[in-house]
Amino acid sequence: MFAIEVENLQFGYKEKIIDDISFKIKEGQFVSLIGPNGSGKSTIIKLLNHLYPPWQGRILIDNEDINSFSKKELARKISLVPQNTLIEYEFTVEDIVLMGRYPYKKRFERYDEKDYEAVHRSLKATNTFHIKGKIITEISGGERQRVIIAKALAQETPIILLDEPTAHLDINHQMEILNLLRRLNKEKKTTIIIAIHDINLASRFSDEIIILSMGKIIDNGIPENVITKENMEKVYSVKVAIDKNKHTNSLSITPINN
């Protein structure tokens, strides 16, 4: 069963950014989108969350057209961790994560014990429980990133989309978050789609990788098949050495002089 199917998708803001791409993601897969700046990674994440309607093509979620879902119905299927996590309102961390429960509430319905249990599990999983009473505008960028991931976890969706979730995190918290996502993926069969710049992390954690360049898919498949010198040099215009990391048993990419 496919969690997501993308067929002949085209989209742009003023000029075309996504150029007739198609791909399928099976339920329970961990898939990374990689490619240089401007390749279309973030735009695909936004389209999959129905933030914009495509110019052409269609997106299926669990074999149903994404246009058939109401906003709340889709929010019970897909949660999003955006690239921009700046929040200007003075909510507490706990209040922000509690917002992840809104798809399950009727209008004016109060949050109950089940909601707070989900929130606290998510705060603990992202190592942010100790700051739950702090104001979101008063914490660091890395802490805020983890809080937004906690909000997505509290939403308890079968699909999580993440746009550069490790960009503002130090190496310790990068590994914390990626290990957490992988654990969710393995234990709960959560489908993870992540746009990420770090090719080595993508190779280490992904079941499959989709390589993008100028809005087109250059290659996709298991890391060992798509992380090749030819693909890397074609997409990034830099010579690379590719080795198997003896500690992680995943591919490791090292740029070398031209």
C-alpha atoms as a PDB file:
ATOM      1  CA  MET A   1       0.000   0.000   0.000  1.00  0.00           C
ATOM      2  CA  PHE A   2       1.273   3.438  -0.889  1.00  0.00           C
ATOM      3  CA  ALA A   3       1.029   6.242   1.676  1.00  0.00           C
ATOM      4  CA  ILE A   4       1.649   8.894  -0.989  1.00  0.00           C
ATOM      5  CA  GLU A   5       1.481   8.833  -4.784  1.00  0.00           C
ATOM      6  CA  VAL A   6       2.552  11.831  -6.860  1.00  0.00           C
ATOM      7  CA  GLU A   7       1.584  11.853 -10.530  1.00  0.00           C
ATOM      8  CA  ASN A   8       2.931  14.289 -13.147  1.00  0.00           C
ATOM      9  CA  LEU A   9       3.197  17.150 -10.674  1.00  0.00           C
ATOM     10  CA  GLN A  10       3.973  20.649 -11.910  1.00  0.00           C
ATOM     11  CA  PHE A  11       4.086  23.805  -9.806  1.00  0.00           C
ATOM     12  CA  GLY A  12       5.663  27.226  -9.545  1.00  0.00           C
ATOM     13  CA  TYR A  13       5.156  30.560  -7.849  1.00  0.00           C
ATOM     14  CA  LYS A  14       5.845  32.783 -10.840  1.00  0.00           C
ATOM     15  CA  GLU A  15       8.109  30.476 -12.802  1.00  0.00           C
ATOM     16  CA  LYS A  16       7.935  26.681 -12.860  1.00  0.00           C
ATOM     17  CA  ILE A  17       9.758  25.070  -9.935  1.00  0.00           C
ATOM     18  CA  ILE A  18       8.441  21.493  -9.996  1.00  0.00           C
ATOM     19  CA  ASP A  19       8.622  20.063 -13.501  1.00  0.00           C
ATOM     20  CA  ASP A  20       6.416  17.017 -14.171  1.00  0.00           C
ATOM     21  CA  ILE A  21       7.592  14.711 -11.376  1.00  0.00           C
ATOM     22  CA  SER A  22       6.109  11.402 -10.277  1.00  0.00           C
ATOM     23  CA  PHE A  23       6.989   9.115  -7.362  1.00  0.00           C
ATOM     24  CA  LYS A  24       5.403   6.725  -4.863  1.00  0.00           C
ATOM     25  CA  ILE A  25       6.151   6.271  -1.170  1.00  0.00           C
ATOM     26  CA  LYS A  26       5.103   3.057   0.560  1.00  0.00           C
ATOM     27  CA  GLU A  27       3.509   3.054   3.987  1.00  0.00           C
ATOM     28  CA  GLY A  28       6.135   2.970   6.720  1.00  0.00           C
ATOM     29  CA  GLN A  29       9.055   4.170   4.609  1.00  0.00           C
ATOM     30  CA  PHE A  30      11.660   6.731   5.637  1.00  0.00           C
ATOM     31  CA  VAL A  31      12.342   8.811   2.508  1.00  0.00           C
ATOM     32  CA  SER A  32      14.760  11.726   2.129  1.00  0.00           C
ATOM     33  CA  LEU A  33      14.602  14.438  -0.511  1.00  0.00           C
ATOM     34  CA  ILE A  34      18.086  15.742  -1.322  1.00  0.00           C
ATOM     35  CA  GLY A  35      19.445  18.213  -3.826  1.00  0.00           C
ATOM     36  CA  PRO A  36      21.032  21.670  -4.018  1.00  0.00           C
ATOM     37  CA  ASN A  37      19.316  24.895  -3.012  1.00  0.00           C
ATOM     38  CA  GLY A  38      16.469  25.687  -5.390  1.00  0.00           C
ATOM     39  CA  SER A  39      16.014  22.075  -6.486  1.00  0.00           C
ATOM     40  CA  GLY A  40      12.403  21.933  -5.229  1.00  0.00           C
ATOM     41  CA  LYS A  41      12.727  19.967  -1.961  1.00  0.00           C
ATOM     42  CA  SER A  42      10.846  22.419   0.254  1.00  0.00           C
ATOM     43  CA  THR A  43       8.214  23.067  -2.409  1.00  0.00           C
ATOM     44  CA  ILE A  44       7.434  19.357  -2.645  1.00  0.00           C
ATOM     45  CA  ILE A  45       7.011  19.185   1.135  1.00  0.00           C
ATOM     46  CA  LYS A  46       4.539  22.094   0.964  1.00  0.00           C
ATOM     47  CA  LEU A  47       2.614  20.516  -1.910  1.00  0.00           C
ATOM     48  CA  LEU A  48       2.352  17.207  -0.051  1.00  0.00           C
ATOM     49  CA  ASN A  49       0.795  19.101   2.861  1.00  0.00           C
ATOM     50  CA  HIS A  50      -1.625  20.838   0.467  1.00  0.00           C
ATOM     51  CA  LEU A  51      -0.360  24.319   1.280  1.00  0.00           C
ATOM     52  CA  TYR A  52      -0.567  25.108  -2.454  1.00  0.00           C
ATOM     53  CA  PRO A  53      -2.577  23.570  -5.279  1.00  0.00           C
ATOM     54  CA  PRO A  54      -0.371  22.149  -8.074  1.00  0.00           C
ATOM     55  CA  TRP A  55      -0.505  23.601 -11.575  1.00  0.00           C
ATOM     56  CA  GLN A  56      -0.862  20.111 -12.970  1.00  0.00           C
ATOM     57  CA  GLY A  57      -0.953  16.519 -11.787  1.00  0.00           C
ATOM     58  CA  ARG A  58      -2.326  15.057  -8.603  1.00  0.00           C
ATOM     59  CA  ILE A  59      -1.370  13.807  -5.154  1.00  0.00           C
ATOM     60  CA  LEU A  60      -2.964  10.723  -3.600  1.00  0.00           C
ATOM     61  CA  ILE A  61      -2.938  10.068   0.148  1.00  0.00           C
ATOM     62  CA  ASP A  62      -3.893   6.464   0.991  1.00  0.00           C
ATOM     63  CA  ASN A  63      -5.219   6.162  -2.564  1.00  0.00           C
ATOM     64  CA  GLU A  64      -7.508   9.205  -2.178  1.00  0.00           C
ATOM     65  CA  ASP A  65      -7.050  12.526  -3.956  1.00  0.00           C
ATOM     66  CA  ILE A  66      -5.644  15.097  -1.537  1.00  0.00           C
ATOM     67  CA  ASN A  67      -8.346  17.536  -2.676  1.00  0.00           C
ATOM     68  CA  SER A  68     -11.034  15.267  -1.195  1.00  0.00           C
ATOM     69  CA  PHE A  69      -9.883  15.838   2.386  1.00  0.00           C
ATOM     70  CA  SER A  70     -11.092  18.644   4.627  1.00  0.00           C
ATOM     71  CA  LYS A  71      -8.400  20.594   6.471  1.00  0.00           C
ATOM     72  CA  LYS A  72      -8.969  18.627   9.682  1.00  0.00           C
ATOM     73  CA  GLU A  73      -9.161  15.286   7.877  1.00  0.00           C
ATOM     74  CA  LEU A  74      -5.817  15.944   6.219  1.00  0.00           C
ATOM     75  CA  ALA A  75      -4.342  17.079   9.551  1.00  0.00           C
ATOM     76  CA  ARG A  76      -5.214  13.654  10.964  1.00  0.00           C
ATOM     77  CA  LYS A  77      -3.263  12.072   8.108  1.00  0.00           C
ATOM     78  CA  ILE A  78      -0.236  14.376   7.776  1.00  0.00           C
ATOM     79  CA  SER A  79       1.718  16.583  10.158  1.00  0.00           C
ATOM     80  CA  LEU A  80       4.302  19.120   9.029  1.00  0.00           C
ATOM     81  CA  VAL A  81       7.509  20.470  10.521  1.00  0.00           C
ATOM     82  CA  PRO A  82       8.238  23.571   8.411  1.00  0.00           C
ATOM     83  CA  GLN A  83      11.636  25.083   7.746  1.00  0.00           C
ATOM     84  CA  ASN A  84      10.653  28.414   9.289  1.00  0.00           C
ATOM     85  CA  THR A  85       9.789  27.822  12.946  1.00  0.00           C
ATOM     86  CA  LEU A  86       9.713  31.467  14.016  1.00  0.00           C
ATOM     87  CA  ILE A  87       6.734  32.164  16.291  1.00  0.00           C
ATOM     88  CA  GLU A  88       6.041  35.727  17.448  1.00  0.00           C
ATOM     89  CA  TYR A  89       3.139  35.038  19.810  1.00  0.00           C
ATOM     90  CA  GLU A  90       3.913  34.578  23.499  1.00  0.00           C
ATOM     91  CA  PHE A  91       2.518  31.090  24.010  1.00  0.00           C
ATOM     92  CA  THR A  92       4.143  28.594  26.340  1.00  0.00           C
ATOM     93  CA  VAL A  93       5.951  25.607  24.896  1.00  0.00           C
ATOM     94  CA  GLU A  94       3.206  23.324  26.188  1.00  0.00           C
ATOM     95  CA  ASP A  95       0.533  25.476  24.496  1.00  0.00           C
ATOM     96  CA  ILE A  96       2.378  25.243  21.161  1.00  0.00           C
ATOM     97  CA  VAL A  97       2.614  21.456  21.336  1.00  0.00           C
ATOM     98  CA  LEU A  98      -1.029  21.253  22.426  1.00  0.00           C
ATOM     99  CA  MET A  99      -1.970  22.885  19.111  1.00  0.00           C
ATOM    100  CA  GLY A 100      -1.028  19.577  17.503  1.00  0.00           C
ATOM    101  CA  ARG A 101      -4.193  18.105  19.018  1.00  0.00           C
ATOM    102  CA  TYR A 102      -6.599  20.458  17.212  1.00  0.00           C
ATOM    103  CA  PRO A 103      -7.530  17.958  14.422  1.00  0.00           C
ATOM    104  CA  TYR A 104      -9.180  15.763  17.053  1.00  0.00           C
ATOM    105  CA  LYS A 105     -11.266  18.463  18.717  1.00  0.00           C
ATOM    106  CA  LYS A 106     -14.701  19.786  17.855  1.00  0.00           C
ATOM    107  CA  ARG A 107     -15.329  23.504  17.891  1.00  0.00           C
ATOM    108  CA  PHE A 108     -15.031  24.868  21.467  1.00  0.00           C
ATOM    109  CA  GLU A 109     -14.221  21.374  22.792  1.00  0.00           C
ATOM    110  CA  ARG A 110     -11.742  21.492  25.657  1.00  0.00           C
ATOM    111  CA  TYR A 111      -8.495  19.562  25.733  1.00  0.00           C
ATOM    112  CA  ASP A 112      -8.694  16.470  27.929  1.00  0.00           C
ATOM    113  CA  GLU A 113      -6.364  14.065  29.687  1.00  0.00           C
ATOM    114  CA  LYS A 114      -5.696  12.107  26.492  1.00  0.00           C
ATOM    115  CA  ASP A 115      -4.527  15.286  24.750  1.00  0.00           C
ATOM    116  CA  TYR A 116      -2.182  16.231  27.586  1.00  0.00           C
ATOM    117  CA  GLU A 117      -0.782  12.699  27.705  1.00  0.00           C
ATOM    118  CA  ALA A 118       0.062  12.927  23.982  1.00  0.00           C
ATOM    119  CA  VAL A 119       1.632  16.344  24.517  1.00  0.00           C
ATOM    120  CA  HIS A 120       3.778  15.204  27.430  1.00  0.00           C
ATOM    121  CA  ARG A 121       4.926  12.074  25.564  1.00  0.00           C
ATOM    122  CA  SER A 122       5.992  14.287  22.667  1.00  0.00           C
ATOM    123  CA  LEU A 123       7.779  16.783  24.902  1.00  0.00           C
ATOM    124  CA  LYS A 124       9.697  13.984  26.602  1.00  0.00           C
ATOM    125  CA  ALA A 125      10.553  12.320  23.284  1.00  0.00           C
ATOM    126  CA  THR A 126      12.093  15.564  21.981  1.00  0.00           C
ATOM    127  CA  ASN A 127      13.830  16.379  25.280  1.00  0.00           C
ATOM    128  CA  THR A 128      11.787  19.562  25.768  1.00  0.00           C
ATOM    129  CA  PHE A 129       9.581  18.585  28.724  1.00  0.00           C
ATOM    130  CA  HIS A 130      11.755  20.599  31.109  1.00  0.00           C
ATOM    131  CA  ILE A 131      10.960  23.828  29.202  1.00  0.00           C
ATOM    132  CA  LYS A 132       7.205  23.217  28.787  1.00  0.00           C
ATOM    133  CA  GLY A 133       6.349  26.270  30.902  1.00  0.00           C
ATOM    134  CA  LYS A 134       8.691  28.661  29.067  1.00  0.00           C
ATOM    135  CA  ILE A 135       7.467  31.233  26.560  1.00  0.00           C
ATOM    136  CA  ILE A 136       8.229  30.101  22.992  1.00  0.00           C
ATOM    137  CA  THR A 137       9.787  33.480  22.079  1.00  0.00           C
ATOM    138  CA  GLU A 138      12.308  33.168  24.923  1.00  0.00           C
ATOM    139  CA  ILE A 139      13.931  29.866  23.982  1.00  0.00           C
ATOM    140  CA  SER A 140      16.767  29.188  21.534  1.00  0.00           C
ATOM    141  CA  GLY A 141      16.312  28.376  17.849  1.00  0.00           C
ATOM    142  CA  GLY A 142      17.363  24.774  18.413  1.00  0.00           C
ATOM    143  CA  GLU A 143      14.922  24.360  21.295  1.00  0.00           C
ATOM    144  CA  ARG A 144      12.153  25.908  19.202  1.00  0.00           C
ATOM    145  CA  GLN A 145      12.891  23.446  16.385  1.00  0.00           C
ATOM    146  CA  ARG A 146      12.477  20.526  18.773  1.00  0.00           C
ATOM    147  CA  VAL A 147       9.244  22.009  20.150  1.00  0.00           C
ATOM    148  CA  ILE A 148       7.766  22.198  16.637  1.00  0.00           C
ATOM    149  CA  ILE A 149       8.763  18.567  16.091  1.00  0.00           C
ATOM    150  CA  ALA A 150       7.056  17.731  19.406  1.00  0.00           C
ATOM    151  CA  LYS A 151       3.896  19.451  18.098  1.00  0.00           C
ATOM    152  CA  ALA A 152       3.984  17.227  15.001  1.00  0.00           C
ATOM    153  CA  LEU A 153       4.433  14.133  17.179  1.00  0.00           C
ATOM    154  CA  ALA A 154       1.484  15.158  19.374  1.00  0.00           C
ATOM    155  CA  GLN A 155      -0.637  15.285  16.205  1.00  0.00           C
ATOM    156  CA  GLU A 156      -0.183  11.489  15.999  1.00  0.00           C
ATOM    157  CA  THR A 157      -0.416  11.201  12.229  1.00  0.00           C
ATOM    158  CA  PRO A 158       0.639   8.204  10.114  1.00  0.00           C
ATOM    159  CA  ILE A 159       2.686  10.560   7.876  1.00  0.00           C
ATOM    160  CA  ILE A 160       5.160  13.225   9.037  1.00  0.00           C
ATOM    161  CA  LEU A 161       6.696  15.746   6.628  1.00  0.00           C
ATOM    162  CA  LEU A 162       9.822  17.610   7.729  1.00  0.00           C
ATOM    163  CA  ASP A 163      11.560  20.456   5.929  1.00  0.00           C
ATOM    164  CA  GLU A 164      15.205  20.693   7.041  1.00  0.00           C
ATOM    165  CA  PRO A 165      14.418  19.687  10.647  1.00  0.00           C
ATOM    166  CA  THR A 166      18.088  19.457  11.660  1.00  0.00           C
ATOM    167  CA  ALA A 167      19.159  22.816  10.183  1.00  0.00           C
ATOM    168  CA  HIS A 168      19.313  24.688  13.506  1.00  0.00           C
ATOM    169  CA  LEU A 169      20.401  21.805  15.711  1.00  0.00           C
ATOM    170  CA  ASP A 170      23.825  20.871  17.035  1.00  0.00           C
ATOM    171  CA  ILE A 171      25.143  17.409  16.194  1.00  0.00           C
ATOM    172  CA  ASN A 172      23.841  15.888  19.441  1.00  0.00           C
ATOM    173  CA  HIS A 173      20.284  17.061  18.862  1.00  0.00           C
ATOM    174  CA  GLN A 174      20.486  16.186  15.159  1.00  0.00           C
ATOM    175  CA  MET A 175      21.124  12.582  16.124  1.00  0.00           C
ATOM    176  CA  GLU A 176      18.448  12.696  18.840  1.00  0.00           C
ATOM    177  CA  ILE A 177      15.794  13.853  16.372  1.00  0.00           C
ATOM    178  CA  LEU A 178      16.771  11.522  13.537  1.00  0.00           C
ATOM    179  CA  ASN A 179      16.974   8.529  15.865  1.00  0.00           C
ATOM    180  CA  LEU A 180      13.556   9.464  17.250  1.00  0.00           C
ATOM    181  CA  LEU A 181      12.083   9.692  13.743  1.00  0.00           C
ATOM    182  CA  ARG A 182      13.659   6.372  12.794  1.00  0.00           C
ATOM    183  CA  ARG A 183      12.259   4.772  15.937  1.00  0.00           C
ATOM    184  CA  LEU A 184       8.755   6.062  15.143  1.00  0.00           C
ATOM    185  CA  ASN A 185       9.234   4.784  11.617  1.00  0.00           C
ATOM    186  CA  LYS A 186      10.240   1.312  12.768  1.00  0.00           C
ATOM    187  CA  GLU A 187       7.995   0.828  15.810  1.00  0.00           C
ATOM    188  CA  LYS A 188       4.809   2.621  14.706  1.00  0.00           C
ATOM    189  CA  LYS A 189       5.298   2.309  10.933  1.00  0.00           C
ATOM    190  CA  THR A 190       5.085   6.110  10.640  1.00  0.00           C
ATOM    191  CA  THR A 191       5.878   7.256   7.117  1.00  0.00           C
ATOM    192  CA  ILE A 192       8.624   9.893   7.238  1.00  0.00           C
ATOM    193  CA  ILE A 193       9.402  12.256   4.349  1.00  0.00           C
ATOM    194  CA  ILE A 194      12.239  14.637   5.067  1.00  0.00           C
ATOM    195  CA  ALA A 195      13.909  17.363   3.000  1.00  0.00           C
ATOM    196  CA  ILE A 196      17.529  17.464   4.110  1.00  0.00           C
ATOM    197  CA  HIS A 197      20.841  18.921   2.945  1.00  0.00           C
ATOM    198  CA  ASP A 198      23.140  16.500   4.753  1.00  0.00           C
ATOM    199  CA  ILE A 199      23.681  13.630   2.312  1.00  0.00           C
ATOM    200  CA  ASN A 200      25.521  11.511   4.883  1.00  0.00           C
ATOM    201  CA  LEU A 201      22.599  11.697   7.317  1.00  0.00           C
ATOM    202  CA  ALA A 202      20.145  10.981   4.495  1.00  0.00           C
ATOM    203  CA  SER A 203      22.167   7.915   3.510  1.00  0.00           C
ATOM    204  CA  ARG A 204      22.367   6.693   7.091  1.00  0.00           C
ATOM    205  CA  PHE A 205      18.687   6.959   8.031  1.00  0.00           C
ATOM    206  CA  SER A 206      16.715   6.559   4.792  1.00  0.00           C
ATOM    207  CA  ASP A 207      15.068   3.547   3.219  1.00  0.00           C
ATOM    208  CA  GLU A 208      14.965   5.465  -0.056  1.00  0.00           C
ATOM    209  CA  ILE A 209      16.355   8.749  -1.364  1.00  0.00           C
ATOM    210  CA  ILE A 210      14.938  11.019  -4.055  1.00  0.00           C
ATOM    211  CA  ILE A 211      17.547  13.244  -5.723  1.00  0.00           C
ATOM    212  CA  LEU A 212      16.239  16.502  -7.146  1.00  0.00           C
ATOM    213  CA  SER A 213      17.772  19.103  -9.408  1.00  0.00           C
ATOM    214  CA  MET A 214      15.999  22.091 -10.971  1.00  0.00           C
ATOM    215  CA  GLY A 215      12.581  20.674 -10.161  1.00  0.00           C
ATOM    216  CA  LYS A 216      13.205  17.265 -11.731  1.00  0.00           C
ATOM    217  CA  ILE A 217      13.908  13.870 -10.216  1.00  0.00           C
ATOM    218  CA  ILE A 218      17.406  12.798 -11.183  1.00  0.00           C
ATOM    219  CA  ASP A 219      17.265   9.419  -9.459  1.00  0.00           C
ATOM    220  CA  ASN A 220      15.455   7.623  -6.666  1.00  0.00           C
ATOM    221  CA  GLY A 221      15.856   4.352  -4.844  1.00  0.00           C
ATOM    222  CA  ILE A 222      17.817   2.809  -1.994  1.00  0.00           C
ATOM    223  CA  PRO A 223      20.863   4.861  -0.903  1.00  0.00           C
ATOM    224  CA  GLU A 224      23.383   2.373  -2.289  1.00  0.00           C
ATOM    225  CA  ASN A 225      21.890   2.710  -5.766  1.00  0.00           C
ATOM    226  CA  VAL A 226      21.427   6.489  -5.965  1.00  0.00           C
ATOM    227  CA  ILE A 227      24.334   7.899  -3.940  1.00  0.00           C
ATOM    228  CA  THR A 228      26.880   7.486  -6.716  1.00  0.00           C
ATOM    229  CA  LYS A 229      29.782   9.602  -7.896  1.00  0.00           C
ATOM    230  CA  GLU A 230      27.992  10.221 -11.185  1.00  0.00           C
ATOM    231  CA  ASN A 231      24.791  11.469  -9.516  1.00  0.00           C
ATOM    232  CA  MET A 232      26.592  13.586  -6.914  1.00  0.00           C
ATOM    233  CA  GLU A 233      28.902  15.225  -9.439  1.00  0.00           C
ATOM    234  CA  LYS A 234      26.039  15.834 -11.859  1.00  0.00           C
ATOM    235  CA  VAL A 235      23.738  17.403  -9.267  1.00  0.00           C
ATOM    236  CA  TYR A 236      26.214  19.265  -7.045  1.00  0.00           C
ATOM    237  CA  SER A 237      28.957  20.022  -9.613  1.00  0.00           C
ATOM    238  CA  VAL A 238      31.702  18.871  -7.261  1.00  0.00           C
ATOM    239  CA  LYS A 239      33.977  15.839  -7.293  1.00  0.00           C
ATOM    240  CA  VAL A 240      33.339  13.441  -4.423  1.00  0.00           C
ATOM    241  CA  ALA A 241      34.733  10.321  -2.827  1.00  0.00           C
ATOM    242  CA  ILE A 242      32.166   7.771  -1.632  1.00  0.00           C
ATOM    243  CA  ASP A 243      33.071   5.202   0.999  1.00  0.00           C
ATOM    244  CA  LYS A 244      31.253   2.862   3.380  1.00  0.00           C
ATOM    245  CA  ASN A 245      31.473   4.202   6.936  1.00  0.00           C
ATOM    246  CA  LYS A 246      32.811   1.366   9.073  1.00  0.00           C
ATOM    247  CA  HIS A 247      30.979   2.643  12.168  1.00  0.00           C
ATOM    248  CA  THR A 248      27.511   3.154  10.676  1.00  0.00           C
ATOM    249  CA  ASN A 249      27.733   0.819   7.660  1.00  0.00           C
ATOM    250  CA  SER A 250      26.185   3.607   5.554  1.00  0.00           C
ATOM    251  CA  LEU A 251      27.629   5.524   2.623  1.00  0.00           C
ATOM    252  CA  SER A 252      29.783   8.535   3.412  1.00  0.00           C
ATOM    253  CA  ILE A 253      30.319  11.392   0.954  1.00  0.00           C
ATOM    254  CA  THR A 254      33.465  13.527   1.000  1.00  0.00           C
ATOM    255  CA  PRO A 255      33.931  16.460  -1.396  1.00  0.00           C
ATOM    256  CA  ILE A 256      37.416  16.521  -2.935  1.00  0.00           C
ATOM    257  CA  ASN A 257      39.333  19.128  -4.906  1.00  0.00           C
ATOM    258  CA  ASN A 258      38.387  19.499  -8.583  1.00  0.00           C
END
